[in-house]
N, C-alpha and C. Protein backbone atom coordinates (compact mmCIF):
# COMPACT_ATOMS: atom_id res chain seq x y z
N MET A 1 10.54 11.31 -8.32
CA MET A 1 9.26 10.77 -7.88
C MET A 1 9.47 9.72 -6.79
N LEU A 2 10.54 8.94 -6.92
CA LEU A 2 10.72 7.84 -5.98
C LEU A 2 11.62 8.22 -4.81
N ARG A 3 11.84 9.51 -4.61
CA ARG A 3 12.65 9.90 -3.49
C ARG A 3 11.88 9.87 -2.18
N HIS A 4 10.59 9.52 -2.25
CA HIS A 4 9.77 9.40 -1.06
C HIS A 4 9.85 7.99 -0.55
N LEU A 5 10.86 7.25 -0.80
CA LEU A 5 10.87 5.84 -0.59
C LEU A 5 10.82 5.40 0.83
N LEU A 6 11.86 4.93 1.31
CA LEU A 6 11.81 4.35 2.59
C LEU A 6 11.84 5.41 3.60
N THR A 7 11.65 5.00 4.66
CA THR A 7 11.60 5.93 5.68
C THR A 7 12.56 5.53 6.73
N ILE A 8 12.96 6.56 7.39
CA ILE A 8 13.91 6.34 8.44
C ILE A 8 13.34 5.35 9.42
N VAL A 9 12.01 5.26 9.41
CA VAL A 9 11.35 4.34 10.32
C VAL A 9 11.67 2.91 9.96
N LEU A 10 11.62 2.59 8.68
CA LEU A 10 11.94 1.23 8.26
C LEU A 10 13.43 1.07 8.18
N LEU A 11 14.14 2.01 7.61
CA LEU A 11 15.57 1.92 7.49
C LEU A 11 16.18 3.26 7.62
N GLY A 12 17.35 3.32 8.23
CA GLY A 12 18.08 4.56 8.16
C GLY A 12 19.07 4.38 7.06
N ILE A 13 18.76 4.87 5.88
CA ILE A 13 19.59 4.63 4.71
C ILE A 13 20.54 5.77 4.49
N LEU A 14 21.77 5.44 4.23
CA LEU A 14 22.78 6.47 4.07
C LEU A 14 23.12 6.67 2.61
N LEU A 15 22.14 6.63 1.75
CA LEU A 15 22.45 6.69 0.33
C LEU A 15 21.73 7.82 -0.37
N ILE A 16 20.45 7.96 -0.12
CA ILE A 16 19.69 9.00 -0.81
C ILE A 16 18.80 9.70 0.19
N ASP A 17 18.26 10.83 -0.20
CA ASP A 17 17.26 11.48 0.64
C ASP A 17 16.04 10.57 0.66
N ALA A 18 15.59 10.20 1.83
CA ALA A 18 14.43 9.31 1.90
C ALA A 18 13.38 9.93 2.79
N GLN A 19 12.18 9.85 2.35
CA GLN A 19 11.07 10.35 3.13
C GLN A 19 10.30 9.15 3.65
N ALA A 20 9.52 9.34 4.68
CA ALA A 20 9.04 8.19 5.39
C ALA A 20 7.81 7.51 4.84
N GLN A 21 7.90 6.21 4.88
CA GLN A 21 6.70 5.39 4.71
C GLN A 21 6.56 4.69 6.05
N ALA A 22 5.52 5.00 6.77
CA ALA A 22 5.47 4.67 8.19
C ALA A 22 5.56 3.18 8.47
N LEU A 23 6.42 2.85 9.39
CA LEU A 23 6.49 1.50 9.94
C LEU A 23 6.90 1.67 11.39
N THR A 24 5.99 1.47 12.28
CA THR A 24 6.24 1.76 13.68
C THR A 24 6.09 0.49 14.51
N PRO A 25 6.98 0.24 15.44
CA PRO A 25 8.15 1.02 15.81
C PRO A 25 9.29 0.81 14.83
N PRO A 26 10.40 1.53 14.98
CA PRO A 26 11.50 1.40 14.02
C PRO A 26 11.97 -0.04 13.89
N ALA A 27 12.17 -0.46 12.66
CA ALA A 27 12.52 -1.86 12.42
C ALA A 27 13.97 -2.05 12.01
N GLY A 28 14.81 -1.06 12.20
CA GLY A 28 16.22 -1.29 11.95
C GLY A 28 16.85 -0.32 10.99
N THR A 29 18.15 -0.47 10.82
CA THR A 29 18.93 0.40 9.95
C THR A 29 19.65 -0.43 8.90
N PHE A 30 19.49 -0.06 7.65
CA PHE A 30 20.10 -0.74 6.51
C PHE A 30 21.15 0.19 5.91
N ARG A 31 22.37 -0.32 5.73
CA ARG A 31 23.44 0.50 5.16
C ARG A 31 24.09 -0.23 3.99
N LEU A 32 24.61 0.55 3.08
CA LEU A 32 25.34 0.01 1.94
C LEU A 32 26.75 0.58 1.92
N GLY A 33 27.70 -0.25 1.51
CA GLY A 33 29.09 0.18 1.38
C GLY A 33 29.72 -0.52 0.20
N ILE A 34 30.90 -0.06 -0.18
CA ILE A 34 31.62 -0.66 -1.30
C ILE A 34 33.07 -0.90 -0.91
N SER A 35 33.72 -1.76 -1.69
CA SER A 35 35.15 -1.99 -1.48
C SER A 35 35.86 -2.10 -2.82
N LYS A 36 37.13 -1.79 -2.78
CA LYS A 36 38.04 -2.02 -3.90
C LYS A 36 39.30 -2.58 -3.29
N GLY A 37 39.55 -3.87 -3.52
CA GLY A 37 40.67 -4.50 -2.84
C GLY A 37 40.41 -4.54 -1.35
N ASN A 38 41.39 -4.06 -0.55
CA ASN A 38 41.25 -4.05 0.90
C ASN A 38 40.70 -2.74 1.45
N GLU A 39 40.35 -1.81 0.58
CA GLU A 39 39.80 -0.53 1.00
C GLU A 39 38.27 -0.57 0.90
N SER A 40 37.61 -0.10 1.93
CA SER A 40 36.14 -0.08 1.90
C SER A 40 35.62 1.13 2.66
N HIS A 41 34.40 1.55 2.32
CA HIS A 41 33.77 2.65 3.06
C HIS A 41 32.26 2.56 2.89
N TRP A 42 31.55 3.11 3.86
CA TRP A 42 30.10 3.20 3.77
C TRP A 42 29.72 4.31 2.81
N LEU A 43 28.68 4.11 2.05
CA LEU A 43 28.25 5.13 1.10
C LEU A 43 27.66 6.33 1.83
N LYS A 44 27.99 7.49 1.32
CA LYS A 44 27.47 8.74 1.87
C LYS A 44 26.21 9.14 1.11
N PRO A 45 25.41 10.04 1.69
CA PRO A 45 24.20 10.49 0.99
C PRO A 45 24.52 11.02 -0.40
N LYS A 46 23.79 10.53 -1.39
CA LYS A 46 23.91 10.96 -2.79
C LYS A 46 25.27 10.65 -3.41
N GLU A 47 26.06 9.81 -2.79
CA GLU A 47 27.37 9.47 -3.37
C GLU A 47 27.20 8.73 -4.69
N LYS A 48 27.98 9.10 -5.68
CA LYS A 48 27.94 8.46 -6.99
C LYS A 48 29.08 7.45 -7.09
N ILE A 49 28.79 6.32 -7.70
CA ILE A 49 29.80 5.28 -7.91
C ILE A 49 29.84 4.97 -9.39
N ARG A 50 30.97 5.16 -10.01
CA ARG A 50 31.07 4.90 -11.44
C ARG A 50 30.76 3.44 -11.75
N GLY A 51 29.83 3.23 -12.67
CA GLY A 51 29.48 1.87 -13.08
C GLY A 51 28.42 1.19 -12.25
N VAL A 52 27.93 1.87 -11.20
CA VAL A 52 26.90 1.27 -10.33
C VAL A 52 25.79 2.30 -10.11
N SER A 53 24.55 1.88 -10.28
CA SER A 53 23.42 2.78 -10.03
C SER A 53 22.41 2.08 -9.13
N PHE A 54 21.67 2.89 -8.36
CA PHE A 54 20.71 2.39 -7.39
C PHE A 54 19.34 2.97 -7.68
N GLN A 55 18.31 2.13 -7.62
CA GLN A 55 16.94 2.62 -7.79
C GLN A 55 16.05 1.95 -6.75
N TRP A 56 15.33 2.78 -5.99
CA TRP A 56 14.47 2.30 -4.92
C TRP A 56 13.01 2.44 -5.30
N LYS A 57 12.18 1.50 -4.89
CA LYS A 57 10.75 1.60 -5.10
C LYS A 57 10.02 1.10 -3.85
N ALA A 58 8.96 1.82 -3.49
CA ALA A 58 8.12 1.37 -2.39
C ALA A 58 7.27 0.19 -2.85
N LEU A 59 7.08 -0.78 -1.97
CA LEU A 59 6.27 -1.95 -2.32
C LEU A 59 4.78 -1.61 -2.27
N PRO A 60 3.99 -2.14 -3.20
CA PRO A 60 2.56 -1.83 -3.21
C PRO A 60 1.73 -2.64 -2.21
N ASP A 61 2.22 -3.83 -1.84
CA ASP A 61 1.41 -4.74 -1.02
C ASP A 61 1.91 -4.89 0.41
N SER A 62 2.92 -4.12 0.79
CA SER A 62 3.49 -4.25 2.12
C SER A 62 4.23 -2.97 2.47
N ARG A 63 4.39 -2.72 3.75
CA ARG A 63 5.25 -1.63 4.16
C ARG A 63 6.68 -2.08 3.96
N GLY A 64 7.35 -1.50 3.01
CA GLY A 64 8.70 -1.92 2.71
C GLY A 64 9.17 -1.35 1.39
N PHE A 65 10.28 -1.87 0.89
CA PHE A 65 10.85 -1.35 -0.34
C PHE A 65 11.61 -2.44 -1.08
N ILE A 66 11.89 -2.17 -2.33
CA ILE A 66 12.75 -3.03 -3.14
C ILE A 66 13.82 -2.14 -3.77
N LEU A 67 15.03 -2.62 -3.77
CA LEU A 67 16.17 -1.88 -4.31
C LEU A 67 16.78 -2.67 -5.46
N GLU A 68 16.98 -2.00 -6.59
CA GLU A 68 17.70 -2.59 -7.71
C GLU A 68 19.07 -1.93 -7.82
N VAL A 69 20.11 -2.75 -7.86
CA VAL A 69 21.47 -2.27 -8.06
C VAL A 69 21.92 -2.74 -9.44
N GLU A 70 22.16 -1.80 -10.33
CA GLU A 70 22.59 -2.15 -11.68
C GLU A 70 24.09 -1.95 -11.80
N VAL A 71 24.77 -2.98 -12.27
CA VAL A 71 26.23 -2.94 -12.39
C VAL A 71 26.60 -2.93 -13.86
N ALA A 72 27.20 -1.84 -14.32
CA ALA A 72 27.62 -1.73 -15.71
C ALA A 72 29.04 -2.26 -15.86
N SER A 73 29.58 -2.16 -17.05
CA SER A 73 30.94 -2.64 -17.29
C SER A 73 31.94 -1.80 -16.52
N ALA A 74 33.02 -2.44 -16.08
CA ALA A 74 34.13 -1.78 -15.38
C ALA A 74 33.66 -0.91 -14.22
N PRO A 75 32.97 -1.47 -13.23
CA PRO A 75 32.54 -0.65 -12.10
C PRO A 75 33.72 -0.18 -11.27
N GLU A 76 33.53 0.94 -10.60
CA GLU A 76 34.58 1.52 -9.77
C GLU A 76 34.91 0.64 -8.57
N ALA A 77 33.93 -0.09 -8.05
CA ALA A 77 34.11 -0.95 -6.89
C ALA A 77 34.04 -2.41 -7.31
N ASP A 78 34.62 -3.30 -6.50
CA ASP A 78 34.55 -4.73 -6.85
C ASP A 78 33.59 -5.51 -5.95
N ALA A 79 33.12 -4.90 -4.86
CA ALA A 79 32.17 -5.59 -3.98
C ALA A 79 31.22 -4.58 -3.35
N LEU A 80 29.99 -5.03 -3.15
CA LEU A 80 28.97 -4.24 -2.45
C LEU A 80 28.73 -4.90 -1.10
N PHE A 81 28.85 -4.12 -0.04
CA PHE A 81 28.57 -4.61 1.31
C PHE A 81 27.24 -4.02 1.79
N TRP A 82 26.59 -4.74 2.67
CA TRP A 82 25.38 -4.21 3.29
C TRP A 82 25.33 -4.65 4.74
N SER A 83 24.61 -3.91 5.54
CA SER A 83 24.40 -4.32 6.93
C SER A 83 22.99 -3.96 7.34
N PHE A 84 22.48 -4.71 8.30
CA PHE A 84 21.15 -4.44 8.84
C PHE A 84 21.15 -4.78 10.31
N GLY A 85 20.60 -3.87 11.12
CA GLY A 85 20.52 -4.14 12.55
C GLY A 85 19.96 -2.96 13.31
N ASP A 86 20.29 -2.92 14.61
CA ASP A 86 19.79 -1.88 15.51
C ASP A 86 18.27 -1.81 15.48
N CYS A 87 17.64 -2.95 15.53
CA CYS A 87 16.18 -3.01 15.56
C CYS A 87 15.73 -2.79 17.00
N GLN A 88 15.30 -1.59 17.31
CA GLN A 88 14.93 -1.24 18.68
C GLN A 88 15.98 -1.76 19.66
N PRO A 89 17.17 -1.20 19.64
CA PRO A 89 18.25 -1.73 20.47
C PRO A 89 17.96 -1.73 21.97
N ASP A 90 16.96 -0.94 22.41
CA ASP A 90 16.64 -0.91 23.83
C ASP A 90 15.56 -1.93 24.22
N SER A 91 15.15 -2.76 23.26
CA SER A 91 14.08 -3.72 23.56
C SER A 91 14.66 -5.03 24.08
N ASP A 92 13.77 -5.93 24.50
CA ASP A 92 14.22 -7.19 25.09
C ASP A 92 14.79 -8.14 24.04
N ILE A 93 14.23 -8.12 22.85
CA ILE A 93 14.58 -9.11 21.84
C ILE A 93 15.04 -8.43 20.55
N ASN A 94 16.11 -8.95 19.97
CA ASN A 94 16.63 -8.46 18.70
C ASN A 94 17.34 -9.65 18.06
N VAL A 95 16.59 -10.46 17.34
CA VAL A 95 17.09 -11.76 16.89
C VAL A 95 16.95 -11.89 15.38
N PHE A 96 17.93 -12.55 14.76
CA PHE A 96 17.89 -12.79 13.32
C PHE A 96 17.85 -14.29 13.04
N SER A 97 17.04 -14.66 12.06
CA SER A 97 17.00 -16.04 11.57
C SER A 97 17.29 -16.02 10.08
N VAL A 98 18.41 -16.64 9.68
CA VAL A 98 18.86 -16.58 8.29
C VAL A 98 18.60 -17.91 7.61
N GLU A 99 18.01 -17.85 6.42
CA GLU A 99 17.80 -19.04 5.59
C GLU A 99 18.22 -18.72 4.17
N GLY A 100 19.41 -19.17 3.79
CA GLY A 100 19.90 -18.91 2.44
C GLY A 100 20.05 -17.44 2.18
N GLN A 101 19.33 -16.92 1.17
CA GLN A 101 19.42 -15.52 0.79
C GLN A 101 18.45 -14.63 1.56
N ALA A 102 17.69 -15.20 2.46
CA ALA A 102 16.66 -14.44 3.16
C ALA A 102 16.88 -14.48 4.66
N PHE A 103 16.30 -13.51 5.35
CA PHE A 103 16.34 -13.56 6.81
C PHE A 103 15.09 -12.91 7.38
N THR A 104 14.81 -13.29 8.62
CA THR A 104 13.73 -12.69 9.39
C THR A 104 14.33 -12.02 10.61
N CYS A 105 13.90 -10.82 10.89
CA CYS A 105 14.32 -10.10 12.08
C CYS A 105 13.16 -10.08 13.07
N TYR A 106 13.42 -10.55 14.28
CA TYR A 106 12.44 -10.49 15.36
C TYR A 106 12.86 -9.38 16.32
N TYR A 107 11.96 -8.47 16.60
CA TYR A 107 12.33 -7.34 17.46
C TYR A 107 11.12 -6.90 18.27
N GLY A 108 11.40 -6.13 19.30
CA GLY A 108 10.33 -5.67 20.18
C GLY A 108 10.38 -6.33 21.54
N GLU A 109 9.39 -6.09 22.34
CA GLU A 109 9.33 -6.68 23.67
C GLU A 109 8.99 -8.16 23.56
N SER A 110 9.45 -8.94 24.53
CA SER A 110 9.37 -10.40 24.44
C SER A 110 7.94 -10.91 24.25
N MET A 111 6.95 -10.23 24.80
CA MET A 111 5.57 -10.69 24.68
C MET A 111 4.84 -10.05 23.50
N GLN A 112 5.53 -9.14 22.80
CA GLN A 112 4.91 -8.45 21.66
C GLN A 112 5.89 -8.37 20.49
N LEU A 113 6.41 -9.51 20.11
CA LEU A 113 7.42 -9.54 19.05
C LEU A 113 6.84 -9.11 17.71
N ARG A 114 7.62 -8.36 16.98
CA ARG A 114 7.31 -8.00 15.60
C ARG A 114 8.33 -8.65 14.70
N THR A 115 8.01 -8.76 13.42
CA THR A 115 8.94 -9.37 12.47
C THR A 115 9.10 -8.50 11.24
N LEU A 116 10.28 -8.59 10.66
CA LEU A 116 10.57 -7.94 9.39
C LEU A 116 11.26 -8.97 8.51
N GLN A 117 10.84 -9.09 7.26
CA GLN A 117 11.42 -10.04 6.32
C GLN A 117 12.37 -9.31 5.37
N ALA A 118 13.39 -10.02 4.91
CA ALA A 118 14.30 -9.44 3.93
C ALA A 118 14.81 -10.52 3.00
N VAL A 119 15.05 -10.13 1.75
CA VAL A 119 15.64 -11.01 0.75
C VAL A 119 16.84 -10.27 0.16
N THR A 120 17.97 -10.96 0.02
CA THR A 120 19.21 -10.33 -0.44
C THR A 120 19.76 -11.09 -1.65
N PRO A 121 20.74 -10.50 -2.35
CA PRO A 121 21.24 -11.12 -3.58
C PRO A 121 22.00 -12.43 -3.40
N THR A 122 22.68 -12.62 -2.27
CA THR A 122 23.47 -13.84 -2.07
C THR A 122 23.21 -14.40 -0.68
N ASP A 123 23.71 -15.63 -0.46
CA ASP A 123 23.58 -16.23 0.86
C ASP A 123 24.82 -15.96 1.72
N ASP A 124 25.66 -15.03 1.29
CA ASP A 124 26.84 -14.63 2.06
C ASP A 124 26.39 -13.62 3.12
N ILE A 125 25.80 -14.14 4.18
CA ILE A 125 25.25 -13.31 5.25
C ILE A 125 25.87 -13.76 6.57
N ARG A 126 26.39 -12.80 7.33
CA ARG A 126 27.05 -13.14 8.59
C ARG A 126 26.45 -12.35 9.76
N LEU A 127 26.39 -13.01 10.91
CA LEU A 127 26.10 -12.30 12.14
C LEU A 127 27.38 -11.60 12.57
N SER A 128 27.30 -10.30 12.81
CA SER A 128 28.50 -9.50 13.04
C SER A 128 28.35 -8.61 14.27
N ASP A 129 29.47 -7.98 14.63
CA ASP A 129 29.54 -7.14 15.83
C ASP A 129 29.26 -5.69 15.46
N GLY A 130 28.09 -5.18 15.85
CA GLY A 130 27.71 -3.82 15.50
C GLY A 130 28.58 -2.75 16.12
N HIS A 131 29.41 -3.10 17.10
CA HIS A 131 30.33 -2.12 17.67
C HIS A 131 31.52 -1.86 16.74
N LYS A 132 31.77 -2.79 15.82
CA LYS A 132 32.96 -2.70 14.96
C LYS A 132 32.53 -2.42 13.52
N ASP A 133 31.96 -1.25 13.31
CA ASP A 133 31.38 -0.94 12.01
C ASP A 133 31.98 0.31 11.36
N ALA A 134 33.23 0.61 11.68
CA ALA A 134 33.87 1.79 11.10
C ALA A 134 33.92 1.71 9.58
N THR A 135 34.13 0.51 9.05
CA THR A 135 34.11 0.29 7.60
C THR A 135 33.31 -0.98 7.32
N PRO A 136 32.82 -1.14 6.11
CA PRO A 136 32.08 -2.36 5.77
C PRO A 136 32.90 -3.63 5.96
N LEU A 137 34.16 -3.59 5.54
CA LEU A 137 35.01 -4.78 5.65
C LEU A 137 35.28 -5.13 7.10
N MET A 138 35.49 -4.12 7.93
CA MET A 138 35.71 -4.36 9.36
C MET A 138 34.48 -5.03 9.98
N LEU A 139 33.30 -4.54 9.65
CA LEU A 139 32.08 -5.15 10.19
C LEU A 139 31.92 -6.58 9.68
N TYR A 140 32.15 -6.79 8.40
CA TYR A 140 31.98 -8.10 7.78
C TYR A 140 32.88 -9.14 8.44
N GLU A 141 34.07 -8.73 8.87
CA GLU A 141 35.06 -9.66 9.45
C GLU A 141 35.09 -9.62 10.97
N SER A 142 34.11 -8.97 11.60
CA SER A 142 34.18 -8.70 13.03
C SER A 142 33.87 -9.89 13.93
N GLY A 143 33.16 -10.89 13.43
CA GLY A 143 32.79 -12.02 14.26
C GLY A 143 31.46 -11.79 14.95
N LYS A 144 30.89 -12.84 15.50
CA LYS A 144 29.52 -12.78 16.01
C LYS A 144 29.40 -12.71 17.52
N ARG A 145 30.51 -12.70 18.25
CA ARG A 145 30.44 -12.61 19.71
C ARG A 145 30.26 -11.14 20.11
N THR A 146 29.06 -10.75 20.42
CA THR A 146 28.77 -9.34 20.69
C THR A 146 27.44 -9.19 21.41
N ASP A 147 27.27 -8.05 22.08
CA ASP A 147 25.97 -7.72 22.66
C ASP A 147 25.19 -6.78 21.75
N ARG A 148 25.73 -6.52 20.55
CA ARG A 148 25.03 -5.68 19.57
C ARG A 148 25.05 -6.39 18.22
N PRO A 149 24.27 -7.44 18.05
CA PRO A 149 24.31 -8.21 16.79
C PRO A 149 23.68 -7.46 15.63
N VAL A 150 24.35 -7.51 14.50
CA VAL A 150 23.80 -7.01 13.24
C VAL A 150 24.14 -8.04 12.17
N LEU A 151 23.47 -7.97 11.05
CA LEU A 151 23.81 -8.83 9.92
C LEU A 151 24.65 -8.04 8.93
N ALA A 152 25.60 -8.72 8.31
CA ALA A 152 26.43 -8.11 7.27
C ALA A 152 26.55 -9.08 6.11
N GLY A 153 26.59 -8.54 4.90
CA GLY A 153 26.70 -9.37 3.71
C GLY A 153 27.57 -8.72 2.66
N ARG A 154 27.97 -9.52 1.69
CA ARG A 154 28.83 -9.02 0.61
C ARG A 154 28.39 -9.63 -0.71
N CYS A 155 28.38 -8.80 -1.76
CA CYS A 155 28.01 -9.23 -3.11
C CYS A 155 29.09 -8.77 -4.08
N SER A 156 29.46 -9.62 -5.00
CA SER A 156 30.41 -9.23 -6.03
C SER A 156 29.75 -8.24 -6.99
N LEU A 157 30.50 -7.22 -7.39
CA LEU A 157 30.01 -6.25 -8.37
C LEU A 157 30.71 -6.50 -9.69
N SER A 158 30.07 -7.27 -10.54
CA SER A 158 30.65 -7.54 -11.85
C SER A 158 29.52 -7.65 -12.87
N PRO A 159 29.72 -7.07 -14.06
CA PRO A 159 28.68 -7.17 -15.08
C PRO A 159 28.52 -8.59 -15.56
N ALA A 160 27.34 -8.92 -16.06
CA ALA A 160 27.10 -10.25 -16.61
C ALA A 160 27.89 -10.42 -17.90
N SER A 161 28.26 -11.64 -18.19
CA SER A 161 29.01 -11.93 -19.41
C SER A 161 28.13 -12.67 -20.41
N SER A 162 28.31 -12.36 -21.66
CA SER A 162 27.59 -13.02 -22.74
C SER A 162 28.54 -13.25 -23.90
N ARG A 163 28.56 -14.45 -24.42
CA ARG A 163 29.46 -14.74 -25.53
C ARG A 163 29.15 -13.88 -26.75
N ASN A 164 27.88 -13.59 -26.93
CA ASN A 164 27.48 -12.83 -28.11
C ASN A 164 27.57 -11.33 -27.89
N GLU A 165 27.32 -10.87 -26.65
CA GLU A 165 27.23 -9.44 -26.41
C GLU A 165 28.37 -8.89 -25.58
N GLY A 166 29.30 -9.76 -25.13
CA GLY A 166 30.32 -9.28 -24.23
C GLY A 166 29.71 -9.00 -22.87
N SER A 167 30.28 -8.05 -22.15
CA SER A 167 29.75 -7.71 -20.83
C SER A 167 28.51 -6.83 -20.97
N LYS A 168 27.53 -7.11 -20.18
CA LYS A 168 26.32 -6.30 -20.16
C LYS A 168 25.93 -6.07 -18.70
N PRO A 169 25.11 -5.07 -18.43
CA PRO A 169 24.77 -4.78 -17.04
C PRO A 169 24.15 -5.98 -16.33
N SER A 170 24.52 -6.16 -15.09
CA SER A 170 23.86 -7.16 -14.25
C SER A 170 23.09 -6.42 -13.17
N ARG A 171 22.15 -7.10 -12.53
CA ARG A 171 21.30 -6.45 -11.54
C ARG A 171 21.20 -7.30 -10.28
N LEU A 172 21.29 -6.62 -9.17
CA LEU A 172 21.12 -7.23 -7.85
C LEU A 172 19.89 -6.61 -7.20
N TYR A 173 19.23 -7.39 -6.34
CA TYR A 173 18.00 -6.89 -5.71
C TYR A 173 18.02 -7.13 -4.20
N PHE A 174 17.51 -6.15 -3.47
CA PHE A 174 17.26 -6.27 -2.03
C PHE A 174 15.78 -5.96 -1.80
N CYS A 175 15.18 -6.64 -0.85
CA CYS A 175 13.78 -6.36 -0.54
C CYS A 175 13.56 -6.51 0.96
N PHE A 176 13.01 -5.48 1.60
CA PHE A 176 12.66 -5.50 3.01
C PHE A 176 11.16 -5.24 3.13
N TYR A 177 10.47 -6.04 3.92
CA TYR A 177 9.01 -5.92 3.95
C TYR A 177 8.41 -6.58 5.18
N GLU A 178 7.16 -6.22 5.45
CA GLU A 178 6.36 -6.90 6.46
C GLU A 178 5.53 -7.96 5.76
N GLN A 179 5.68 -9.20 6.16
CA GLN A 179 4.99 -10.30 5.49
C GLN A 179 3.48 -10.24 5.74
N ASN A 180 2.72 -10.51 4.68
CA ASN A 180 1.27 -10.65 4.79
C ASN A 180 0.82 -11.61 3.70
N GLU A 181 -0.49 -11.77 3.51
CA GLU A 181 -0.97 -12.77 2.55
C GLU A 181 -0.60 -12.42 1.10
N LYS A 182 -0.30 -11.16 0.83
CA LYS A 182 0.09 -10.76 -0.52
C LYS A 182 1.60 -10.56 -0.66
N ALA A 183 2.29 -10.51 0.44
CA ALA A 183 3.73 -10.22 0.41
C ALA A 183 4.50 -11.33 1.10
N ASP A 184 5.02 -12.25 0.31
CA ASP A 184 5.84 -13.35 0.80
C ASP A 184 6.78 -13.70 -0.35
N TYR A 185 7.98 -13.11 -0.35
CA TYR A 185 8.80 -13.09 -1.55
C TYR A 185 10.01 -14.02 -1.48
N ASN A 186 10.40 -14.53 -2.65
CA ASN A 186 11.67 -15.21 -2.86
C ASN A 186 12.49 -14.38 -3.85
N TYR A 187 13.80 -14.63 -3.88
CA TYR A 187 14.66 -13.76 -4.69
C TYR A 187 14.29 -13.79 -6.17
N TYR A 188 13.93 -14.96 -6.70
CA TYR A 188 13.65 -15.06 -8.13
C TYR A 188 12.45 -14.19 -8.54
N MET A 189 11.62 -13.81 -7.56
CA MET A 189 10.44 -12.99 -7.84
C MET A 189 10.76 -11.50 -7.95
N LEU A 190 11.88 -11.08 -7.41
CA LEU A 190 12.14 -9.65 -7.25
C LEU A 190 12.26 -8.88 -8.56
N PRO A 191 12.93 -9.39 -9.62
CA PRO A 191 12.98 -8.61 -10.86
C PRO A 191 11.59 -8.29 -11.42
N ASP A 192 10.68 -9.25 -11.40
CA ASP A 192 9.33 -9.00 -11.90
C ASP A 192 8.56 -8.03 -11.00
N ILE A 193 8.72 -8.18 -9.70
CA ILE A 193 8.06 -7.26 -8.78
C ILE A 193 8.53 -5.84 -9.03
N PHE A 194 9.83 -5.68 -9.17
CA PHE A 194 10.41 -4.36 -9.41
C PHE A 194 9.88 -3.76 -10.71
N ALA A 195 9.84 -4.58 -11.77
CA ALA A 195 9.42 -4.08 -13.09
C ALA A 195 7.94 -3.70 -13.11
N LYS A 196 7.12 -4.39 -12.33
CA LYS A 196 5.67 -4.17 -12.39
C LYS A 196 5.17 -3.02 -11.52
N ILE A 197 5.99 -2.55 -10.60
CA ILE A 197 5.50 -1.54 -9.65
C ILE A 197 5.02 -0.29 -10.36
N ASP A 198 5.78 0.23 -11.31
CA ASP A 198 5.38 1.47 -12.00
C ASP A 198 4.20 1.27 -12.94
N LYS A 199 3.89 0.02 -13.26
CA LYS A 199 2.80 -0.26 -14.20
C LYS A 199 1.45 -0.33 -13.52
N LYS A 200 1.45 -0.37 -12.18
CA LYS A 200 0.17 -0.50 -11.47
C LYS A 200 -0.53 0.85 -11.37
């Protein structure tokens, strides 16, 4: 049911079959990758990762989506990488403003700027060189001196610990959206937003 999620228009996602939810003009490309030690790779369509599951939902109050990443015990990977960029690369402006775990992307022509908001699991967000994106780790360590800026981030993949229950699944959330009077999110809000979408 939820395979109609994002659209190539909002994100070019390399993880699942995605059908479009219109957002015009294109607002960028979001990618996910994993690493184990010094080895890393971008996720391929429908790729399965032992111990890690992904669930996408379209947002009800904005053009955008929310992603839940559930990490079970003993995951196959130790880190999740993500990147976002290529927001109308032929336009005059393509700028990112990062504040903690969130960022704003400004894109479009200089006199007609558009914005896209995003919230991520950690504040480990770097401006990176989009020309050096052969692997997630390469992009993450590429540095910010470039004419093709993209953002890159990294999250640890480890289950939550509990003295009484041992390790139990932990959850990470990503949210990309167009801000409006009903859609202005902080990270602490994302679990409830995700849980309530199917109930509406």
